[in-house]
Amino acid sequence: MKTSILTALFCLTLFHPAAGQAPVPSGADATRNTATATTPSADYQMVPGDKLRVEVYKDPQLSQSLQVRPDGKITLPLIGDLAAAGRTPTQLRDAVANSLKEYIKDPVVTIIVVETVPEVVYVMGEVNSPGPQPMRGPTSILQALAMAGGFKDFAHTKDIRILRKSPTGLQTIRFNYNEAVKSSQAPMLLAPGDTVIVP
């Protein structure tokens, strides 16, 4: 289930004023431009399903309410398709503004993440409740396994695998549950989108 965010979580404005021609946002725009991002964090990377508001200052025709498509892109007037998934709002703001420079002098762009898709990890295999598990803040593999209902009787807890997407491809991380519960070290944290496989 998506988590609605009632106020603008990201108000990130790119502004390149020409000499003596600095537009000054006022009213609701001024409030948006000074808002502080709280949740998600400023380095939040957008994912398919996230709902965005793209505001182009003084151009209501270019301002759009959009949802990141399953292919990770959004479509904007004049620009066309633009990759959004995997970018932070700051990076998307810069990309939109740079694309608009061909059509608008000194574009002022604001990206607002209106609604996010909750971050999840996937636990599958010999657990009692396999499937996606929501992440509510930093989540360790032990917590994810507990949320999945614990192990079935014949689970091989010494040879758990974590599949993680990385820039170089799919990474496989081995995890020994038996050693982890005996260790005094902090348990391994999972990354959003990780898949935990219990053989």
N, C-alpha and C. Protein backbone atom coordinates (compact mmCIF):
# COMPACT_ATOMS: atom_id res chain seq x y z
N MET A 1 0.87 -1.20 0.00
CA MET A 1 0.00 0.00 0.00
C MET A 1 0.89 1.23 0.00
N LYS A 2 0.52 2.20 -0.80
CA LYS A 2 1.34 3.41 -0.90
C LYS A 2 1.08 4.32 0.28
N THR A 3 2.15 5.01 0.64
CA THR A 3 2.04 5.94 1.76
C THR A 3 1.86 7.33 1.23
N SER A 4 0.72 7.93 1.50
CA SER A 4 0.45 9.29 1.02
C SER A 4 1.21 10.28 1.88
N ILE A 5 1.78 11.24 1.26
CA ILE A 5 2.50 12.29 1.97
C ILE A 5 1.71 13.57 1.74
N LEU A 6 1.16 14.12 2.81
CA LEU A 6 0.18 15.19 2.67
C LEU A 6 0.81 16.50 2.26
N THR A 7 2.08 16.68 2.60
CA THR A 7 2.73 17.92 2.21
C THR A 7 3.88 17.64 1.29
N ALA A 8 4.38 18.64 0.63
CA ALA A 8 5.49 18.47 -0.30
C ALA A 8 6.73 18.03 0.46
N LEU A 9 7.28 16.91 0.04
CA LEU A 9 8.45 16.39 0.75
C LEU A 9 9.74 16.88 0.12
N PHE A 10 9.65 17.19 -1.12
CA PHE A 10 10.85 17.71 -1.76
C PHE A 10 10.51 18.99 -2.48
N CYS A 11 11.15 20.02 -2.16
CA CYS A 11 10.95 21.27 -2.88
C CYS A 11 12.34 21.75 -3.27
N LEU A 12 12.80 21.30 -4.40
CA LEU A 12 14.19 21.50 -4.78
C LEU A 12 14.20 22.36 -6.04
N THR A 13 14.63 23.55 -5.91
CA THR A 13 14.48 24.52 -6.99
C THR A 13 15.83 24.85 -7.61
N LEU A 14 15.85 24.78 -8.93
CA LEU A 14 17.05 25.16 -9.67
C LEU A 14 16.82 26.56 -10.21
N PHE A 15 17.76 27.45 -9.96
CA PHE A 15 17.54 28.84 -10.30
C PHE A 15 18.83 29.42 -10.85
N HIS A 16 18.81 29.84 -12.10
CA HIS A 16 19.96 30.47 -12.73
C HIS A 16 19.55 31.87 -13.15
N PRO A 17 19.60 32.84 -12.26
CA PRO A 17 19.08 34.16 -12.61
C PRO A 17 19.96 34.90 -13.60
N ALA A 18 19.35 35.52 -14.56
CA ALA A 18 20.07 36.45 -15.41
C ALA A 18 20.23 37.76 -14.66
N ALA A 19 21.23 38.53 -15.03
CA ALA A 19 21.51 39.77 -14.31
C ALA A 19 20.30 40.68 -14.33
N GLY A 20 19.84 41.04 -13.14
CA GLY A 20 18.73 41.97 -13.03
C GLY A 20 17.38 41.38 -13.37
N GLN A 21 17.36 40.05 -13.63
CA GLN A 21 16.10 39.46 -14.04
C GLN A 21 15.75 38.27 -13.16
N ALA A 22 16.05 38.34 -11.88
CA ALA A 22 15.80 37.22 -10.98
C ALA A 22 14.33 37.15 -10.60
N PRO A 23 13.63 36.12 -11.07
CA PRO A 23 12.23 35.98 -10.65
C PRO A 23 12.17 35.59 -9.19
N VAL A 24 11.27 36.18 -8.47
CA VAL A 24 11.13 35.90 -7.04
C VAL A 24 9.81 35.20 -6.81
N PRO A 25 9.83 33.88 -6.48
CA PRO A 25 8.57 33.20 -6.22
C PRO A 25 7.86 33.84 -5.04
N SER A 26 6.53 33.83 -5.09
CA SER A 26 5.75 34.41 -4.01
C SER A 26 4.59 33.50 -3.66
N GLY A 27 3.93 33.78 -2.55
CA GLY A 27 2.74 33.03 -2.17
C GLY A 27 3.07 31.58 -1.92
N ALA A 28 2.23 30.68 -2.52
CA ALA A 28 2.40 29.24 -2.31
C ALA A 28 3.74 28.77 -2.84
N ASP A 29 4.20 29.38 -3.98
CA ASP A 29 5.50 28.98 -4.52
C ASP A 29 6.61 29.27 -3.54
N ALA A 30 6.55 30.41 -2.89
CA ALA A 30 7.60 30.76 -1.93
C ALA A 30 7.60 29.77 -0.77
N THR A 31 6.41 29.39 -0.33
CA THR A 31 6.34 28.42 0.76
C THR A 31 6.94 27.10 0.34
N ARG A 32 6.63 26.65 -0.89
CA ARG A 32 7.16 25.39 -1.36
C ARG A 32 8.68 25.44 -1.46
N ASN A 33 9.21 26.54 -1.95
CA ASN A 33 10.64 26.61 -2.21
C ASN A 33 11.46 26.67 -0.94
N THR A 34 10.84 26.97 0.20
CA THR A 34 11.60 27.03 1.44
C THR A 34 11.29 25.85 2.35
N ALA A 35 10.46 24.91 1.88
CA ALA A 35 10.12 23.76 2.71
C ALA A 35 11.34 22.87 2.89
N THR A 36 11.37 22.18 4.00
CA THR A 36 12.49 21.30 4.31
C THR A 36 12.09 19.86 4.07
N ALA A 37 12.93 19.13 3.32
CA ALA A 37 12.65 17.72 3.07
C ALA A 37 12.85 16.94 4.36
N THR A 38 11.89 16.11 4.70
CA THR A 38 12.01 15.33 5.92
C THR A 38 12.05 13.85 5.59
N THR A 39 10.96 13.31 5.08
CA THR A 39 10.91 11.90 4.71
C THR A 39 10.27 11.79 3.35
N PRO A 40 10.82 11.07 2.43
CA PRO A 40 12.10 10.40 2.48
C PRO A 40 13.27 11.37 2.47
N SER A 41 14.48 10.85 2.67
CA SER A 41 15.66 11.70 2.78
C SER A 41 16.02 12.32 1.44
N ALA A 42 16.91 13.30 1.49
CA ALA A 42 17.28 14.04 0.29
C ALA A 42 17.97 13.15 -0.75
N ASP A 43 18.55 12.03 -0.31
CA ASP A 43 19.20 11.14 -1.27
C ASP A 43 18.28 10.00 -1.70
N TYR A 44 16.98 10.14 -1.42
CA TYR A 44 16.01 9.13 -1.83
C TYR A 44 16.02 8.98 -3.34
N GLN A 45 16.12 7.75 -3.81
CA GLN A 45 16.10 7.48 -5.24
C GLN A 45 14.70 7.01 -5.63
N MET A 46 14.14 7.68 -6.59
CA MET A 46 12.77 7.39 -7.00
C MET A 46 12.68 6.02 -7.66
N VAL A 47 11.48 5.43 -7.55
CA VAL A 47 11.24 4.10 -8.10
C VAL A 47 9.94 4.14 -8.90
N PRO A 48 9.74 3.14 -9.79
CA PRO A 48 8.46 3.08 -10.51
C PRO A 48 7.28 3.07 -9.54
N GLY A 49 6.26 3.86 -9.87
CA GLY A 49 5.09 3.97 -9.01
C GLY A 49 5.06 5.23 -8.19
N ASP A 50 6.21 5.86 -7.96
CA ASP A 50 6.23 7.12 -7.23
C ASP A 50 5.44 8.18 -7.99
N LYS A 51 4.69 9.00 -7.25
CA LYS A 51 3.93 10.08 -7.86
C LYS A 51 4.66 11.40 -7.63
N LEU A 52 4.81 12.17 -8.69
CA LEU A 52 5.59 13.40 -8.66
C LEU A 52 4.75 14.59 -9.11
N ARG A 53 5.17 15.76 -8.68
CA ARG A 53 4.66 17.01 -9.21
C ARG A 53 5.85 17.78 -9.75
N VAL A 54 5.84 18.05 -11.04
CA VAL A 54 6.90 18.82 -11.68
C VAL A 54 6.36 20.22 -11.93
N GLU A 55 6.95 21.19 -11.27
CA GLU A 55 6.52 22.59 -11.40
C GLU A 55 7.57 23.37 -12.18
N VAL A 56 7.12 24.02 -13.23
CA VAL A 56 7.99 24.93 -13.98
C VAL A 56 7.47 26.34 -13.71
N TYR A 57 8.29 27.16 -13.11
CA TYR A 57 7.88 28.48 -12.63
C TYR A 57 7.30 29.32 -13.76
N LYS A 58 6.10 29.86 -13.52
CA LYS A 58 5.38 30.73 -14.44
C LYS A 58 5.03 30.04 -15.77
N ASP A 59 4.92 28.70 -15.74
CA ASP A 59 4.52 27.99 -16.95
C ASP A 59 3.61 26.83 -16.57
N PRO A 60 2.32 27.12 -16.35
CA PRO A 60 1.39 26.06 -15.92
C PRO A 60 1.21 24.95 -16.96
N GLN A 61 1.45 25.26 -18.24
CA GLN A 61 1.28 24.24 -19.26
C GLN A 61 2.37 23.17 -19.17
N LEU A 62 3.54 23.55 -18.73
CA LEU A 62 4.64 22.59 -18.60
C LEU A 62 4.62 21.89 -17.24
N SER A 63 3.93 22.46 -16.27
CA SER A 63 3.85 21.85 -14.94
C SER A 63 2.91 20.64 -15.01
N GLN A 64 3.36 19.52 -14.45
CA GLN A 64 2.63 18.27 -14.61
C GLN A 64 2.61 17.47 -13.31
N SER A 65 1.51 16.74 -13.10
CA SER A 65 1.45 15.71 -12.07
C SER A 65 1.65 14.37 -12.78
N LEU A 66 2.65 13.61 -12.34
CA LEU A 66 3.07 12.42 -13.07
C LEU A 66 3.29 11.26 -12.12
N GLN A 67 3.29 10.06 -12.70
CA GLN A 67 3.68 8.86 -11.96
C GLN A 67 4.81 8.21 -12.73
N VAL A 68 5.83 7.78 -12.00
CA VAL A 68 6.96 7.11 -12.64
C VAL A 68 6.45 5.77 -13.19
N ARG A 69 6.61 5.59 -14.51
CA ARG A 69 6.09 4.40 -15.17
C ARG A 69 6.90 3.15 -14.80
N PRO A 70 6.35 1.97 -15.11
CA PRO A 70 7.10 0.74 -14.83
C PRO A 70 8.47 0.69 -15.48
N ASP A 71 8.63 1.40 -16.62
CA ASP A 71 9.95 1.42 -17.26
C ASP A 71 10.89 2.45 -16.63
N GLY A 72 10.42 3.12 -15.56
CA GLY A 72 11.28 4.05 -14.84
C GLY A 72 11.31 5.45 -15.40
N LYS A 73 10.45 5.76 -16.38
CA LYS A 73 10.51 7.06 -17.04
C LYS A 73 9.24 7.87 -16.78
N ILE A 74 9.35 9.17 -17.03
CA ILE A 74 8.20 10.07 -17.06
C ILE A 74 8.21 10.77 -18.41
N THR A 75 7.07 11.34 -18.78
CA THR A 75 6.98 12.07 -20.04
C THR A 75 6.53 13.49 -19.76
N LEU A 76 7.28 14.45 -20.29
CA LEU A 76 6.99 15.87 -20.08
C LEU A 76 6.83 16.57 -21.43
N PRO A 77 5.98 17.61 -21.49
CA PRO A 77 5.86 18.39 -22.73
C PRO A 77 7.23 18.96 -23.13
N LEU A 78 7.46 19.03 -24.42
CA LEU A 78 8.69 19.52 -25.03
C LEU A 78 9.86 18.55 -24.85
N ILE A 79 9.98 17.95 -23.68
CA ILE A 79 11.13 17.10 -23.38
C ILE A 79 10.91 15.68 -23.87
N GLY A 80 9.72 15.15 -23.68
CA GLY A 80 9.46 13.75 -24.01
C GLY A 80 9.82 12.85 -22.83
N ASP A 81 10.27 11.65 -23.13
CA ASP A 81 10.60 10.69 -22.08
C ASP A 81 11.89 11.08 -21.37
N LEU A 82 11.88 10.89 -20.05
CA LEU A 82 13.04 11.22 -19.22
C LEU A 82 13.12 10.19 -18.10
N ALA A 83 14.31 9.65 -17.88
CA ALA A 83 14.49 8.65 -16.83
C ALA A 83 14.33 9.30 -15.46
N ALA A 84 13.52 8.68 -14.60
CA ALA A 84 13.31 9.19 -13.24
C ALA A 84 13.75 8.18 -12.20
N ALA A 85 13.42 6.91 -12.42
CA ALA A 85 13.78 5.87 -11.45
C ALA A 85 15.30 5.79 -11.30
N GLY A 86 15.74 5.67 -10.06
CA GLY A 86 17.17 5.62 -9.78
C GLY A 86 17.80 6.97 -9.57
N ARG A 87 17.05 8.04 -9.85
CA ARG A 87 17.55 9.40 -9.63
C ARG A 87 16.97 9.98 -8.35
N THR A 88 17.70 10.88 -7.74
CA THR A 88 17.15 11.64 -6.63
C THR A 88 16.33 12.79 -7.22
N PRO A 89 15.43 13.41 -6.44
CA PRO A 89 14.70 14.56 -6.95
C PRO A 89 15.62 15.69 -7.44
N THR A 90 16.75 15.86 -6.77
CA THR A 90 17.71 16.89 -7.20
C THR A 90 18.23 16.57 -8.60
N GLN A 91 18.59 15.31 -8.83
CA GLN A 91 19.11 14.91 -10.14
C GLN A 91 18.05 15.05 -11.22
N LEU A 92 16.82 14.67 -10.91
CA LEU A 92 15.75 14.82 -11.89
C LEU A 92 15.46 16.28 -12.17
N ARG A 93 15.47 17.10 -11.12
CA ARG A 93 15.27 18.55 -11.29
C ARG A 93 16.30 19.12 -12.26
N ASP A 94 17.56 18.75 -12.06
CA ASP A 94 18.63 19.25 -12.93
C ASP A 94 18.44 18.78 -14.37
N ALA A 95 18.03 17.51 -14.53
CA ALA A 95 17.84 16.97 -15.87
C ALA A 95 16.70 17.69 -16.60
N VAL A 96 15.61 17.94 -15.89
CA VAL A 96 14.47 18.64 -16.49
C VAL A 96 14.88 20.06 -16.87
N ALA A 97 15.55 20.75 -15.97
CA ALA A 97 15.95 22.14 -16.23
C ALA A 97 16.92 22.22 -17.41
N ASN A 98 17.87 21.30 -17.47
CA ASN A 98 18.82 21.31 -18.59
C ASN A 98 18.12 21.06 -19.92
N SER A 99 17.14 20.16 -19.92
CA SER A 99 16.40 19.87 -21.15
C SER A 99 15.55 21.06 -21.58
N LEU A 100 15.04 21.83 -20.61
CA LEU A 100 14.17 22.96 -20.94
C LEU A 100 14.95 24.20 -21.40
N LYS A 101 16.25 24.23 -21.17
CA LYS A 101 17.04 25.41 -21.56
C LYS A 101 16.96 25.68 -23.05
N GLU A 102 16.68 24.64 -23.82
CA GLU A 102 16.55 24.82 -25.26
C GLU A 102 15.32 25.64 -25.61
N TYR A 103 14.34 25.66 -24.69
CA TYR A 103 13.06 26.31 -24.98
C TYR A 103 12.79 27.51 -24.07
N ILE A 104 13.38 27.51 -22.86
CA ILE A 104 13.09 28.54 -21.87
C ILE A 104 14.41 29.11 -21.34
N LYS A 105 14.47 30.42 -21.22
CA LYS A 105 15.66 31.03 -20.65
C LYS A 105 15.61 30.94 -19.12
N ASP A 106 16.67 30.43 -18.53
CA ASP A 106 16.80 30.32 -17.07
C ASP A 106 15.59 29.63 -16.44
N PRO A 107 15.30 28.39 -16.81
CA PRO A 107 14.12 27.73 -16.24
C PRO A 107 14.26 27.48 -14.74
N VAL A 108 13.17 27.66 -14.03
CA VAL A 108 13.12 27.37 -12.59
C VAL A 108 12.23 26.15 -12.41
N VAL A 109 12.80 25.07 -11.95
CA VAL A 109 12.09 23.79 -11.87
C VAL A 109 12.03 23.32 -10.43
N THR A 110 10.87 22.82 -10.02
CA THR A 110 10.69 22.24 -8.69
C THR A 110 10.16 20.82 -8.86
N ILE A 111 10.78 19.87 -8.17
CA ILE A 111 10.31 18.49 -8.17
C ILE A 111 9.76 18.18 -6.78
N ILE A 112 8.51 17.75 -6.73
CA ILE A 112 7.86 17.40 -5.47
C ILE A 112 7.49 15.92 -5.52
N VAL A 113 8.01 15.14 -4.58
CA VAL A 113 7.59 13.74 -4.47
C VAL A 113 6.33 13.73 -3.62
N VAL A 114 5.20 13.49 -4.25
CA VAL A 114 3.91 13.57 -3.58
C VAL A 114 3.58 12.27 -2.85
N GLU A 115 3.91 11.16 -3.47
CA GLU A 115 3.59 9.87 -2.89
C GLU A 115 4.66 8.87 -3.28
N THR A 116 5.12 8.09 -2.33
CA THR A 116 6.18 7.14 -2.60
C THR A 116 5.67 5.71 -2.49
N VAL A 117 6.35 4.82 -3.17
CA VAL A 117 6.09 3.39 -3.02
C VAL A 117 6.92 2.91 -1.84
N PRO A 118 6.31 2.28 -0.84
CA PRO A 118 7.08 1.84 0.33
C PRO A 118 8.23 0.92 -0.08
N GLU A 119 9.37 1.11 0.56
CA GLU A 119 10.52 0.26 0.28
C GLU A 119 10.28 -1.12 0.90
N VAL A 120 10.65 -2.15 0.16
CA VAL A 120 10.45 -3.52 0.64
C VAL A 120 11.68 -4.36 0.36
N VAL A 121 11.78 -5.48 1.08
CA VAL A 121 12.70 -6.56 0.74
C VAL A 121 11.84 -7.80 0.52
N TYR A 122 12.38 -8.75 -0.18
CA TYR A 122 11.63 -9.96 -0.49
C TYR A 122 12.30 -11.15 0.19
N VAL A 123 11.50 -11.91 0.92
CA VAL A 123 12.01 -13.11 1.59
C VAL A 123 11.28 -14.31 1.02
N MET A 124 12.02 -15.27 0.51
CA MET A 124 11.39 -16.42 -0.12
C MET A 124 12.11 -17.70 0.27
N GLY A 125 11.49 -18.81 0.00
CA GLY A 125 12.08 -20.10 0.33
C GLY A 125 11.45 -20.69 1.57
N GLU A 126 12.27 -21.29 2.41
CA GLU A 126 11.79 -22.06 3.56
C GLU A 126 11.51 -21.17 4.77
N VAL A 127 10.58 -20.23 4.58
CA VAL A 127 10.10 -19.40 5.68
C VAL A 127 8.58 -19.56 5.74
N ASN A 128 8.00 -19.21 6.85
CA ASN A 128 6.57 -19.46 7.05
C ASN A 128 5.66 -18.48 6.31
N SER A 129 6.13 -17.26 6.09
CA SER A 129 5.32 -16.25 5.38
C SER A 129 6.16 -15.56 4.32
N PRO A 130 6.47 -16.26 3.22
CA PRO A 130 7.30 -15.66 2.18
C PRO A 130 6.57 -14.50 1.49
N GLY A 131 7.36 -13.62 0.92
CA GLY A 131 6.79 -12.50 0.18
C GLY A 131 7.49 -11.20 0.53
N PRO A 132 6.97 -10.08 0.01
CA PRO A 132 7.57 -8.78 0.30
C PRO A 132 7.37 -8.39 1.76
N GLN A 133 8.41 -7.82 2.34
CA GLN A 133 8.35 -7.36 3.73
C GLN A 133 8.67 -5.86 3.74
N PRO A 134 7.80 -5.04 4.31
CA PRO A 134 8.04 -3.59 4.29
C PRO A 134 9.22 -3.20 5.17
N MET A 135 9.96 -2.20 4.71
CA MET A 135 11.07 -1.66 5.48
C MET A 135 10.61 -0.39 6.17
N ARG A 136 10.69 -0.37 7.47
CA ARG A 136 10.35 0.84 8.24
C ARG A 136 11.63 1.34 8.89
N GLY A 137 12.43 1.98 8.09
CA GLY A 137 13.75 2.38 8.55
C GLY A 137 14.76 1.28 8.27
N PRO A 138 15.99 1.43 8.78
CA PRO A 138 17.01 0.40 8.57
C PRO A 138 16.52 -0.96 9.04
N THR A 139 16.65 -1.97 8.20
CA THR A 139 16.15 -3.30 8.49
C THR A 139 17.26 -4.32 8.32
N SER A 140 17.52 -5.09 9.36
CA SER A 140 18.55 -6.12 9.28
C SER A 140 17.96 -7.39 8.69
N ILE A 141 18.83 -8.29 8.26
CA ILE A 141 18.35 -9.55 7.71
C ILE A 141 17.64 -10.37 8.78
N LEU A 142 18.07 -10.25 10.03
CA LEU A 142 17.39 -10.98 11.10
C LEU A 142 15.97 -10.46 11.29
N GLN A 143 15.79 -9.16 11.19
CA GLN A 143 14.45 -8.60 11.31
C GLN A 143 13.56 -9.03 10.15
N ALA A 144 14.13 -9.05 8.95
CA ALA A 144 13.35 -9.47 7.78
C ALA A 144 12.92 -10.93 7.89
N LEU A 145 13.81 -11.77 8.38
CA LEU A 145 13.47 -13.19 8.56
C LEU A 145 12.38 -13.35 9.62
N ALA A 146 12.46 -12.53 10.66
CA ALA A 146 11.43 -12.59 11.70
C ALA A 146 10.08 -12.14 11.14
N MET A 147 10.07 -11.08 10.32
CA MET A 147 8.82 -10.60 9.72
C MET A 147 8.23 -11.63 8.77
N ALA A 148 9.10 -12.48 8.21
CA ALA A 148 8.63 -13.53 7.31
C ALA A 148 8.16 -14.76 8.08
N GLY A 149 8.06 -14.66 9.39
CA GLY A 149 7.50 -15.75 10.18
C GLY A 149 8.48 -16.79 10.65
N GLY A 150 9.78 -16.56 10.43
CA GLY A 150 10.77 -17.55 10.86
C GLY A 150 10.88 -18.71 9.88
N PHE A 151 11.73 -19.65 10.24
CA PHE A 151 12.06 -20.75 9.33
C PHE A 151 11.09 -21.92 9.44
N LYS A 152 10.97 -22.63 8.34
CA LYS A 152 10.30 -23.93 8.36
C LYS A 152 11.28 -24.97 8.92
N ASP A 153 10.77 -26.17 9.18
CA ASP A 153 11.55 -27.18 9.88
C ASP A 153 12.84 -27.57 9.15
N PHE A 154 12.82 -27.62 7.83
CA PHE A 154 13.98 -28.14 7.10
C PHE A 154 14.77 -27.05 6.38
N ALA A 155 14.68 -25.83 6.86
CA ALA A 155 15.43 -24.72 6.26
C ALA A 155 16.93 -24.89 6.50
N HIS A 156 17.72 -24.57 5.47
CA HIS A 156 19.18 -24.61 5.58
C HIS A 156 19.65 -23.21 5.98
N THR A 157 19.68 -22.98 7.27
CA THR A 157 19.94 -21.62 7.77
C THR A 157 21.41 -21.21 7.66
N LYS A 158 22.28 -22.16 7.33
CA LYS A 158 23.70 -21.82 7.19
C LYS A 158 24.04 -21.30 5.79
N ASP A 159 23.11 -21.44 4.87
CA ASP A 159 23.42 -21.11 3.47
C ASP A 159 22.37 -20.19 2.87
N ILE A 160 22.01 -19.15 3.61
CA ILE A 160 21.05 -18.17 3.10
C ILE A 160 21.75 -17.25 2.11
N ARG A 161 21.06 -16.91 1.04
CA ARG A 161 21.62 -16.01 0.03
C ARG A 161 20.82 -14.71 -0.05
N ILE A 162 21.53 -13.63 -0.25
CA ILE A 162 20.90 -12.32 -0.45
C ILE A 162 21.27 -11.87 -1.86
N LEU A 163 20.26 -11.64 -2.68
CA LEU A 163 20.48 -11.14 -4.03
C LEU A 163 20.27 -9.64 -4.04
N ARG A 164 21.26 -8.92 -4.52
CA ARG A 164 21.22 -7.45 -4.50
C ARG A 164 21.65 -6.90 -5.84
N LYS A 165 20.83 -5.98 -6.36
CA LYS A 165 21.18 -5.32 -7.61
C LYS A 165 22.28 -4.28 -7.35
N SER A 166 23.25 -4.27 -8.23
CA SER A 166 24.34 -3.30 -8.13
C SER A 166 24.62 -2.75 -9.52
N PRO A 167 25.38 -1.66 -9.61
CA PRO A 167 25.68 -1.10 -10.94
C PRO A 167 26.37 -2.08 -11.87
N THR A 168 27.04 -3.09 -11.31
CA THR A 168 27.76 -4.06 -12.14
C THR A 168 26.94 -5.33 -12.39
N GLY A 169 25.72 -5.39 -11.87
CA GLY A 169 24.89 -6.57 -12.07
C GLY A 169 24.34 -7.10 -10.76
N LEU A 170 23.90 -8.34 -10.77
CA LEU A 170 23.30 -8.96 -9.59
C LEU A 170 24.40 -9.52 -8.70
N GLN A 171 24.38 -9.10 -7.45
CA GLN A 171 25.37 -9.52 -6.47
C GLN A 171 24.75 -10.54 -5.53
N THR A 172 25.51 -11.61 -5.22
CA THR A 172 25.04 -12.63 -4.29
C THR A 172 25.87 -12.57 -3.01
N ILE A 173 25.18 -12.40 -1.89
CA ILE A 173 25.84 -12.32 -0.58
C ILE A 173 25.41 -13.53 0.24
N ARG A 174 26.38 -14.23 0.79
CA ARG A 174 26.08 -15.39 1.62
C ARG A 174 25.89 -14.97 3.07
N PHE A 175 24.94 -15.64 3.74
CA PHE A 175 24.65 -15.29 5.12
C PHE A 175 24.41 -16.57 5.91
N ASN A 176 25.12 -16.70 7.04
CA ASN A 176 24.97 -17.86 7.93
C ASN A 176 24.20 -17.41 9.16
N TYR A 177 22.94 -17.80 9.23
CA TYR A 177 22.09 -17.38 10.35
C TYR A 177 22.63 -17.90 11.68
N ASN A 178 23.09 -19.14 11.71
CA ASN A 178 23.56 -19.74 12.95
C ASN A 178 24.73 -18.95 13.55
N GLU A 179 25.65 -18.52 12.69
CA GLU A 179 26.78 -17.73 13.17
C GLU A 179 26.34 -16.33 13.59
N ALA A 180 25.38 -15.77 12.87
CA ALA A 180 24.96 -14.40 13.14
C ALA A 180 24.31 -14.27 14.52
N VAL A 181 23.49 -15.25 14.89
CA VAL A 181 22.81 -15.15 16.18
C VAL A 181 23.76 -15.34 17.35
N LYS A 182 24.92 -15.95 17.10
CA LYS A 182 25.92 -16.14 18.16
C LYS A 182 26.90 -14.98 18.22
N SER A 183 26.94 -14.19 17.16
CA SER A 183 27.93 -13.12 17.07
C SER A 183 27.51 -11.91 17.90
N SER A 184 28.50 -11.19 18.38
CA SER A 184 28.23 -9.95 19.11
C SER A 184 28.19 -8.74 18.20
N GLN A 185 28.46 -8.95 16.92
CA GLN A 185 28.45 -7.85 15.95
C GLN A 185 27.03 -7.51 15.52
N ALA A 186 26.85 -6.28 15.08
CA ALA A 186 25.53 -5.86 14.58
C ALA A 186 25.17 -6.66 13.34
N PRO A 187 23.92 -7.12 13.22
CA PRO A 187 23.53 -7.92 12.05
C PRO A 187 23.57 -7.10 10.76
N MET A 188 23.72 -7.79 9.67
CA MET A 188 23.81 -7.15 8.36
C MET A 188 22.51 -6.42 8.02
N LEU A 189 22.64 -5.21 7.51
CA LEU A 189 21.47 -4.45 7.07
C LEU A 189 21.16 -4.77 5.61
N LEU A 190 19.88 -4.84 5.31
CA LEU A 190 19.45 -5.08 3.94
C LEU A 190 19.26 -3.75 3.22
N ALA A 191 19.33 -3.81 1.90
CA ALA A 191 19.06 -2.65 1.06
C ALA A 191 17.69 -2.82 0.43
N PRO A 192 16.98 -1.72 0.18
CA PRO A 192 15.67 -1.83 -0.47
C PRO A 192 15.76 -2.64 -1.77
N GLY A 193 14.83 -3.57 -1.94
CA GLY A 193 14.82 -4.39 -3.14
C GLY A 193 15.60 -5.68 -3.02
N ASP A 194 16.32 -5.88 -1.92
CA ASP A 194 17.06 -7.13 -1.73
C ASP A 194 16.10 -8.32 -1.73
N THR A 195 16.58 -9.46 -2.22
CA THR A 195 15.84 -10.71 -2.15
C THR A 195 16.60 -11.69 -1.29
N VAL A 196 15.97 -12.16 -0.22
CA VAL A 196 16.59 -13.12 0.69
C VAL A 196 16.02 -14.49 0.37
N ILE A 197 16.91 -15.43 0.08
CA ILE A 197 16.48 -16.78 -0.29
C ILE A 197 16.95 -17.75 0.78
N VAL A 198 15.99 -18.44 1.38
CA VAL A 198 16.30 -19.44 2.41
C VAL A 198 16.08 -20.82 1.78
N PRO A 199 17.17 -21.57 1.52
CA PRO A 199 17.01 -22.88 0.85
C PRO A 199 16.42 -23.94 1.78
